[in-house]
Amino acid sequence: SLAKGLCFAKDIPLIGIDTLQLLAVKAMFG
């Protein structure tokens, strides 16, 4: 909700990150 509000207010794009893929990246570098 907060991310959407910022994007609407500033007219900038929204990026979605899959949390499980995010964990995979953390595992990779761990």
Full PDB file with SEQRES, HELIX, SHEET, SSBOND, CRYST1, ORIGX, SCALE, CONECT and MASTER records, all heavy atoms in Angstrom:
SEQRES   1 A   30  SER LEU ALA LYS GLY LEU CYS PHE ALA LYS ASP ILE PRO          
SEQRES   2 A   30  LEU ILE GLY ILE ASP THR LEU GLN LEU LEU ALA VAL LYS          
SEQRES   3 A   30  ALA MET PHE GLY                                              
HELIX    1 AA1 LEU A    2  LYS A   10  1                                   9    
HELIX    2 AA2 THR A   19  PHE A   29  1                                  11    
CRYST1    1.000    1.000    1.000  90.00  90.00  90.00 P 1           1          
ORIGX1      1.000000  0.000000  0.000000        0.00000                         
ORIGX2      0.000000  1.000000  0.000000        0.00000                         
ORIGX3      0.000000  0.000000  1.000000        0.00000                         
SCALE1      1.000000  0.000000  0.000000        0.00000                         
SCALE2      0.000000  1.000000  0.000000        0.00000                         
SCALE3      0.000000  0.000000  1.000000        0.00000                         
ATOM      1  N   SER A   1       0.825  -1.212   0.000  1.00  0.00           N  
ATOM      2  CA  SER A   1       0.000   0.000   0.000  1.00  0.00           C  
ATOM      3  C   SER A   1       0.856   1.256   0.000  1.00  0.00           C  
ATOM      4  O   SER A   1       0.599   2.204  -0.749  1.00  0.00           O  
ATOM      5  CB  SER A   1      -0.935   0.010   1.216  1.00  0.00           C  
ATOM      6  OG  SER A   1      -1.871  -1.048   1.148  1.00  0.00           O  
ATOM      7  N   LEU A   2       1.891   1.263   0.834  1.00  0.00           N  
ATOM      8  CA  LEU A   2       2.757   2.438   0.876  1.00  0.00           C  
ATOM      9  C   LEU A   2       3.543   2.589  -0.422  1.00  0.00           C  
ATOM     10  O   LEU A   2       3.704   3.699  -0.935  1.00  0.00           O  
ATOM     11  CB  LEU A   2       3.701   2.346   2.067  1.00  0.00           C  
ATOM     12  CG  LEU A   2       4.387   3.656   2.471  1.00  0.00           C  
ATOM     13  CD1 LEU A   2       4.651   3.689   3.966  1.00  0.00           C  
ATOM     14  CD2 LEU A   2       5.682   3.867   1.710  1.00  0.00           C  
ATOM     15  N   ALA A   3       4.007   1.465  -0.975  1.00  0.00           N  
ATOM     16  CA  ALA A   3       4.749   1.515  -2.241  1.00  0.00           C  
ATOM     17  C   ALA A   3       3.876   2.065  -3.357  1.00  0.00           C  
ATOM     18  O   ALA A   3       4.316   2.900  -4.160  1.00  0.00           O  
ATOM     19  CB  ALA A   3       5.256   0.116  -2.597  1.00  0.00           C  
ATOM     20  N   LYS A   4       2.628   1.622  -3.419  1.00  0.00           N  
ATOM     21  CA  LYS A   4       1.704   2.135  -4.435  1.00  0.00           C  
ATOM     22  C   LYS A   4       1.496   3.632  -4.282  1.00  0.00           C  
ATOM     23  O   LYS A   4       1.493   4.380  -5.270  1.00  0.00           O  
ATOM     24  CB  LYS A   4       0.357   1.415  -4.325  1.00  0.00           C  
ATOM     25  CG  LYS A   4       0.316   0.012  -4.887  1.00  0.00           C  
ATOM     26  CD  LYS A   4      -1.104  -0.524  -4.786  1.00  0.00           C  
ATOM     27  CE  LYS A   4      -1.273  -1.842  -5.489  1.00  0.00           C  
ATOM     28  NZ  LYS A   4      -2.682  -2.306  -5.487  1.00  0.00           N  
ATOM     29  N   GLY A   5       1.292   4.067  -3.031  1.00  0.00           N  
ATOM     30  CA  GLY A   5       1.068   5.490  -2.793  1.00  0.00           C  
ATOM     31  C   GLY A   5       2.230   6.343  -3.273  1.00  0.00           C  
ATOM     32  O   GLY A   5       2.032   7.387  -3.891  1.00  0.00           O  
ATOM     33  N   LEU A   6       3.446   5.876  -3.017  1.00  0.00           N  
ATOM     34  CA  LEU A   6       4.626   6.609  -3.479  1.00  0.00           C  
ATOM     35  C   LEU A   6       4.683   6.669  -5.005  1.00  0.00           C  
ATOM     36  O   LEU A   6       4.995   7.712  -5.587  1.00  0.00           O  
ATOM     37  CB  LEU A   6       5.888   5.938  -2.949  1.00  0.00           C  
ATOM     38  CG  LEU A   6       6.358   6.321  -1.545  1.00  0.00           C  
ATOM     39  CD1 LEU A   6       7.550   5.462  -1.142  1.00  0.00           C  
ATOM     40  CD2 LEU A   6       6.732   7.795  -1.497  1.00  0.00           C  
ATOM     41  N   CYS A   7       4.397   5.545  -5.636  1.00  0.00           N  
ATOM     42  CA  CYS A   7       4.474   5.490  -7.104  1.00  0.00           C  
ATOM     43  C   CYS A   7       3.434   6.395  -7.747  1.00  0.00           C  
ATOM     44  O   CYS A   7       3.720   7.083  -8.736  1.00  0.00           O  
ATOM     45  CB  CYS A   7       4.307   4.048  -7.584  1.00  0.00           C  
ATOM     46  SG  CYS A   7       5.707   2.986  -7.191  1.00  0.00           S  
ATOM     47  N   PHE A   8       2.227   6.410  -7.199  1.00  0.00           N  
ATOM     48  CA  PHE A   8       1.201   7.303  -7.731  1.00  0.00           C  
ATOM     49  C   PHE A   8       1.593   8.768  -7.513  1.00  0.00           C  
ATOM     50  O   PHE A   8       1.452   9.606  -8.403  1.00  0.00           O  
ATOM     51  CB  PHE A   8      -0.145   7.030  -7.064  1.00  0.00           C  
ATOM     52  CG  PHE A   8      -0.909   5.887  -7.668  1.00  0.00           C  
ATOM     53  CD1 PHE A   8      -1.323   4.818  -6.887  1.00  0.00           C  
ATOM     54  CD2 PHE A   8      -1.215   5.867  -9.023  1.00  0.00           C  
ATOM     55  CE1 PHE A   8      -2.031   3.760  -7.432  1.00  0.00           C  
ATOM     56  CE2 PHE A   8      -1.929   4.814  -9.589  1.00  0.00           C  
ATOM     57  CZ  PHE A   8      -2.337   3.760  -8.790  1.00  0.00           C  
ATOM     58  N   ALA A   9       2.087   9.065  -6.314  1.00  0.00           N  
ATOM     59  CA  ALA A   9       2.410  10.458  -5.985  1.00  0.00           C  
ATOM     60  C   ALA A   9       3.553  10.998  -6.828  1.00  0.00           C  
ATOM     61  O   ALA A   9       3.544  12.173  -7.221  1.00  0.00           O  
ATOM     62  CB  ALA A   9       2.754  10.571  -4.505  1.00  0.00           C  
ATOM     63  N   LYS A  10       4.529  10.166  -7.124  1.00  0.00           N  
ATOM     64  CA  LYS A  10       5.717  10.614  -7.845  1.00  0.00           C  
ATOM     65  C   LYS A  10       5.717  10.204  -9.312  1.00  0.00           C  
ATOM     66  O   LYS A  10       6.669  10.505 -10.036  1.00  0.00           O  
ATOM     67  CB  LYS A  10       6.974  10.086  -7.149  1.00  0.00           C  
ATOM     68  CG  LYS A  10       7.154  10.649  -5.751  1.00  0.00           C  
ATOM     69  CD  LYS A  10       8.449  10.181  -5.122  1.00  0.00           C  
ATOM     70  CE  LYS A  10       8.683  10.858  -3.783  1.00  0.00           C  
ATOM     71  NZ  LYS A  10       8.876  12.320  -3.932  1.00  0.00           N  
ATOM     72  N   ASP A  11       4.665   9.494  -9.734  1.00  0.00           N  
ATOM     73  CA  ASP A  11       4.540   9.049 -11.126  1.00  0.00           C  
ATOM     74  C   ASP A  11       5.772   8.245 -11.566  1.00  0.00           C  
ATOM     75  O   ASP A  11       6.406   8.534 -12.578  1.00  0.00           O  
ATOM     76  CB  ASP A  11       4.336  10.243 -12.060  1.00  0.00           C  
ATOM     77  CG  ASP A  11       3.875   9.809 -13.457  1.00  0.00           C  
ATOM     78  OD1 ASP A  11       3.305   8.710 -13.573  1.00  0.00           O  
ATOM     79  OD2 ASP A  11       4.100  10.560 -14.417  1.00  0.00           O  
ATOM     80  N   ILE A  12       6.108   7.236 -10.759  1.00  0.00           N  
ATOM     81  CA  ILE A  12       7.239   6.367 -11.057  1.00  0.00           C  
ATOM     82  C   ILE A  12       6.769   4.915 -11.034  1.00  0.00           C  
ATOM     83  O   ILE A  12       5.721   4.601 -10.463  1.00  0.00           O  
ATOM     84  CB  ILE A  12       8.395   6.569 -10.051  1.00  0.00           C  
ATOM     85  CG1 ILE A  12       7.891   6.386  -8.615  1.00  0.00           C  
ATOM     86  CG2 ILE A  12       9.035   7.936 -10.240  1.00  0.00           C  
ATOM     87  CD1 ILE A  12       8.987   6.515  -7.563  1.00  0.00           C  
ATOM     88  N   PRO A  13       7.506   3.995 -11.648  1.00  0.00           N  
ATOM     89  CA  PRO A  13       7.058   2.611 -11.736  1.00  0.00           C  
ATOM     90  C   PRO A  13       7.214   1.834 -10.431  1.00  0.00           C  
ATOM     91  O   PRO A  13       8.030   2.174  -9.574  1.00  0.00           O  
ATOM     92  CB  PRO A  13       7.948   2.019 -12.834  1.00  0.00           C  
ATOM     93  CG  PRO A  13       9.168   2.869 -12.845  1.00  0.00           C  
ATOM     94  CD  PRO A  13       8.706   4.244 -12.475  1.00  0.00           C  
ATOM     95  N   LEU A  14       6.407   0.773 -10.332  1.00  0.00           N  
ATOM     96  CA  LEU A  14       6.412  -0.131  -9.191  1.00  0.00           C  
ATOM     97  C   LEU A  14       7.009  -1.463  -9.615  1.00  0.00           C  
ATOM     98  O   LEU A  14       6.635  -2.031 -10.639  1.00  0.00           O  
ATOM     99  CB  LEU A  14       4.985  -0.331  -8.676  1.00  0.00           C  
ATOM    100  CG  LEU A  14       4.792  -1.326  -7.530  1.00  0.00           C  
ATOM    101  CD1 LEU A  14       5.487  -0.834  -6.261  1.00  0.00           C  
ATOM    102  CD2 LEU A  14       3.289  -1.538  -7.264  1.00  0.00           C  
ATOM    103  N   ILE A  15       7.927  -1.964  -8.819  1.00  0.00           N  
ATOM    104  CA  ILE A  15       8.589  -3.247  -9.081  1.00  0.00           C  
ATOM    105  C   ILE A  15       8.190  -4.229  -7.990  1.00  0.00           C  
ATOM    106  O   ILE A  15       8.213  -3.900  -6.801  1.00  0.00           O  
ATOM    107  CB  ILE A  15      10.126  -3.078  -9.083  1.00  0.00           C  
ATOM    108  CG1 ILE A  15      10.556  -2.153 -10.226  1.00  0.00           C  
ATOM    109  CG2 ILE A  15      10.832  -4.429  -9.180  1.00  0.00           C  
ATOM    110  CD1 ILE A  15      12.004  -1.721 -10.144  1.00  0.00           C  
ATOM    111  N   GLY A  16       7.817  -5.441  -8.380  1.00  0.00           N  
ATOM    112  CA  GLY A  16       7.465  -6.479  -7.424  1.00  0.00           C  
ATOM    113  C   GLY A  16       8.553  -7.536  -7.345  1.00  0.00           C  
ATOM    114  O   GLY A  16       9.040  -8.006  -8.371  1.00  0.00           O  
ATOM    115  N   ILE A  17       8.935  -7.899  -6.129  1.00  0.00           N  
ATOM    116  CA  ILE A  17       9.969  -8.898  -5.915  1.00  0.00           C  
ATOM    117  C   ILE A  17       9.367 -10.109  -5.208  1.00  0.00           C  
ATOM    118  O   ILE A  17       8.720  -9.967  -4.163  1.00  0.00           O  
ATOM    119  CB  ILE A  17      11.133  -8.331  -5.067  1.00  0.00           C  
ATOM    120  CG1 ILE A  17      11.739  -7.099  -5.750  1.00  0.00           C  
ATOM    121  CG2 ILE A  17      12.187  -9.403  -4.809  1.00  0.00           C  
ATOM    122  CD1 ILE A  17      12.373  -7.379  -7.093  1.00  0.00           C  
ATOM    123  N   ASP A  18       9.577 -11.300  -5.774  1.00  0.00           N  
ATOM    124  CA  ASP A  18       9.127 -12.541  -5.153  1.00  0.00           C  
ATOM    125  C   ASP A  18       9.981 -12.793  -3.911  1.00  0.00           C  
ATOM    126  O   ASP A  18      11.209 -12.871  -3.991  1.00  0.00           O  
ATOM    127  CB  ASP A  18       9.272 -13.687  -6.149  1.00  0.00           C  
ATOM    128  CG  ASP A  18       8.714 -14.995  -5.621  1.00  0.00           C  
ATOM    129  OD1 ASP A  18       9.179 -15.452  -4.562  1.00  0.00           O  
ATOM    130  OD2 ASP A  18       7.824 -15.565  -6.278  1.00  0.00           O  
ATOM    131  N   THR A  19       9.334 -12.943  -2.758  1.00  0.00           N  
ATOM    132  CA  THR A  19      10.078 -13.096  -1.511  1.00  0.00           C  
ATOM    133  C   THR A  19      10.905 -14.370  -1.482  1.00  0.00           C  
ATOM    134  O   THR A  19      12.012 -14.397  -0.927  1.00  0.00           O  
ATOM    135  CB  THR A  19       9.116 -13.075  -0.312  1.00  0.00           C  
ATOM    136  OG1 THR A  19       8.292 -11.905  -0.388  1.00  0.00           O  
ATOM    137  CG2 THR A  19       9.869 -13.048   1.000  1.00  0.00           C  
ATOM    138  N   LEU A  20      10.404 -15.442  -2.073  1.00  0.00           N  
ATOM    139  CA  LEU A  20      11.153 -16.694  -2.075  1.00  0.00           C  
ATOM    140  C   LEU A  20      12.377 -16.614  -2.985  1.00  0.00           C  
ATOM    141  O   LEU A  20      13.431 -17.184  -2.677  1.00  0.00           O  
ATOM    142  CB  LEU A  20      10.242 -17.852  -2.483  1.00  0.00           C  
ATOM    143  CG  LEU A  20       9.153 -18.183  -1.452  1.00  0.00           C  
ATOM    144  CD1 LEU A  20       8.116 -19.132  -2.037  1.00  0.00           C  
ATOM    145  CD2 LEU A  20       9.765 -18.769  -0.182  1.00  0.00           C  
ATOM    146  N   GLN A  21      12.251 -15.908  -4.098  1.00  0.00           N  
ATOM    147  CA  GLN A  21      13.423 -15.688  -4.941  1.00  0.00           C  
ATOM    148  C   GLN A  21      14.425 -14.771  -4.234  1.00  0.00           C  
ATOM    149  O   GLN A  21      15.646 -14.944  -4.362  1.00  0.00           O  
ATOM    150  CB  GLN A  21      13.026 -15.091  -6.292  1.00  0.00           C  
ATOM    151  CG  GLN A  21      14.185 -15.055  -7.290  1.00  0.00           C  
ATOM    152  CD  GLN A  21      13.768 -14.530  -8.639  1.00  0.00           C  
ATOM    153  OE1 GLN A  21      13.150 -13.477  -8.739  1.00  0.00           O  
ATOM    154  NE2 GLN A  21      14.099 -15.267  -9.687  1.00  0.00           N  
ATOM    155  N   LEU A  22      13.913 -13.814  -3.484  1.00  0.00           N  
ATOM    156  CA  LEU A  22      14.770 -12.953  -2.684  1.00  0.00           C  
ATOM    157  C   LEU A  22      15.582 -13.776  -1.690  1.00  0.00           C  
ATOM    158  O   LEU A  22      16.782 -13.558  -1.501  1.00  0.00           O  
ATOM    159  CB  LEU A  22      13.900 -11.917  -1.960  1.00  0.00           C  
ATOM    160  CG  LEU A  22      14.542 -11.047  -0.888  1.00  0.00           C  
ATOM    161  CD1 LEU A  22      15.711 -10.265  -1.446  1.00  0.00           C  
ATOM    162  CD2 LEU A  22      13.495 -10.112  -0.298  1.00  0.00           C  
ATOM    163  N   LEU A  23      14.942 -14.765  -1.059  1.00  0.00           N  
ATOM    164  CA  LEU A  23      15.657 -15.651  -0.149  1.00  0.00           C  
ATOM    165  C   LEU A  23      16.708 -16.471  -0.889  1.00  0.00           C  
ATOM    166  O   LEU A  23      17.795 -16.732  -0.353  1.00  0.00           O  
ATOM    167  CB  LEU A  23      14.669 -16.574   0.559  1.00  0.00           C  
ATOM    168  CG  LEU A  23      13.900 -15.966   1.732  1.00  0.00           C  
ATOM    169  CD1 LEU A  23      12.785 -16.894   2.179  1.00  0.00           C  
ATOM    170  CD2 LEU A  23      14.834 -15.667   2.901  1.00  0.00           C  
ATOM    171  N   ALA A  24      16.398 -16.872  -2.113  1.00  0.00           N  
ATOM    172  CA  ALA A  24      17.375 -17.631  -2.906  1.00  0.00           C  
ATOM    173  C   ALA A  24      18.624 -16.802  -3.172  1.00  0.00           C  
ATOM    174  O   ALA A  24      19.746 -17.308  -3.122  1.00  0.00           O  
ATOM    175  CB  ALA A  24      16.744 -18.089  -4.219  1.00  0.00           C  
ATOM    176  N   VAL A  25      18.440 -15.511  -3.459  1.00  0.00           N  
ATOM    177  CA  VAL A  25      19.586 -14.626  -3.651  1.00  0.00           C  
ATOM    178  C   VAL A  25      20.398 -14.528  -2.370  1.00  0.00           C  
ATOM    179  O   VAL A  25      21.640 -14.575  -2.384  1.00  0.00           O  
ATOM    180  CB  VAL A  25      19.119 -13.221  -4.096  1.00  0.00           C  
ATOM    181  CG1 VAL A  25      20.275 -12.235  -4.076  1.00  0.00           C  
ATOM    182  CG2 VAL A  25      18.502 -13.288  -5.484  1.00  0.00           C  
ATOM    183  N   LYS A  26      19.705 -14.409  -1.237  1.00  0.00           N  
ATOM    184  CA  LYS A  26      20.399 -14.330   0.053  1.00  0.00           C  
ATOM    185  C   LYS A  26      21.186 -15.610   0.315  1.00  0.00           C  
ATOM    186  O   LYS A  26      22.311 -15.566   0.832  1.00  0.00           O  
ATOM    187  CB  LYS A  26      19.385 -14.088   1.167  1.00  0.00           C  
ATOM    188  CG  LYS A  26      19.992 -13.656   2.486  1.00  0.00           C  
ATOM    189  CD  LYS A  26      18.906 -13.322   3.475  1.00  0.00           C  
ATOM    190  CE  LYS A  26      19.484 -12.799   4.787  1.00  0.00           C  
ATOM    191  NZ  LYS A  26      20.016 -11.436   4.657  1.00  0.00           N  
ATOM    192  N   ALA A  27      20.605 -16.764  -0.055  1.00  0.00           N  
ATOM    193  CA  ALA A  27      21.307 -18.035   0.104  1.00  0.00           C  
ATOM    194  C   ALA A  27      22.534 -18.094  -0.801  1.00  0.00           C  
ATOM    195  O   ALA A  27      23.609 -18.552  -0.400  1.00  0.00           O  
ATOM    196  CB  ALA A  27      20.370 -19.191  -0.204  1.00  0.00           C  
ATOM    197  N   MET A  28      22.385 -17.620  -2.026  1.00  0.00           N  
ATOM    198  CA  MET A  28      23.478 -17.636  -2.996  1.00  0.00           C  
ATOM    199  C   MET A  28      24.706 -16.914  -2.460  1.00  0.00           C  
ATOM    200  O   MET A  28      25.830 -17.416  -2.511  1.00  0.00           O  
ATOM    201  CB  MET A  28      23.009 -16.995  -4.308  1.00  0.00           C  
ATOM    202  CG  MET A  28      24.040 -16.993  -5.412  1.00  0.00           C  
ATOM    203  SD  MET A  28      23.495 -15.972  -6.809  1.00  0.00           S  
ATOM    204  CE  MET A  28      21.938 -16.720  -7.235  1.00  0.00           C  
ATOM    205  N   PHE A  29      24.471 -15.719  -1.930  1.00  0.00           N  
ATOM    206  CA  PHE A  29      25.579 -14.924  -1.433  1.00  0.00           C  
ATOM    207  C   PHE A  29      25.976 -15.281  -0.008  1.00  0.00           C  
ATOM    208  O   PHE A  29      26.963 -14.761   0.509  1.00  0.00           O  
ATOM    209  CB  PHE A  29      25.256 -13.443  -1.555  1.00  0.00           C  
ATOM    210  CG  PHE A  29      25.206 -12.972  -2.984  1.00  0.00           C  
ATOM    211  CD1 PHE A  29      23.999 -12.751  -3.621  1.00  0.00           C  
ATOM    212  CD2 PHE A  29      26.377 -12.782  -3.692  1.00  0.00           C  
ATOM    213  CE1 PHE A  29      23.953 -12.343  -4.939  1.00  0.00           C  
ATOM    214  CE2 PHE A  29      26.347 -12.364  -5.014  1.00  0.00           C  
ATOM    215  CZ  PHE A  29      25.133 -12.157  -5.645  1.00  0.00           C  
ATOM    216  N   GLY A  30      25.210 -16.196   0.613  1.00  0.00           N  
ATOM    217  CA  GLY A  30      25.566 -16.659   1.941  1.00  0.00           C  
ATOM    218  C   GLY A  30      26.473 -17.875   1.942  1.00  0.00           C  
ATOM    219  O   GLY A  30      26.972 -18.285   2.993  1.00  0.00           O  
TER     220      GLY A  30                                                      
MASTER        0    0    0    2    0    0    0    6  219    1    0    3          
END                                                                             
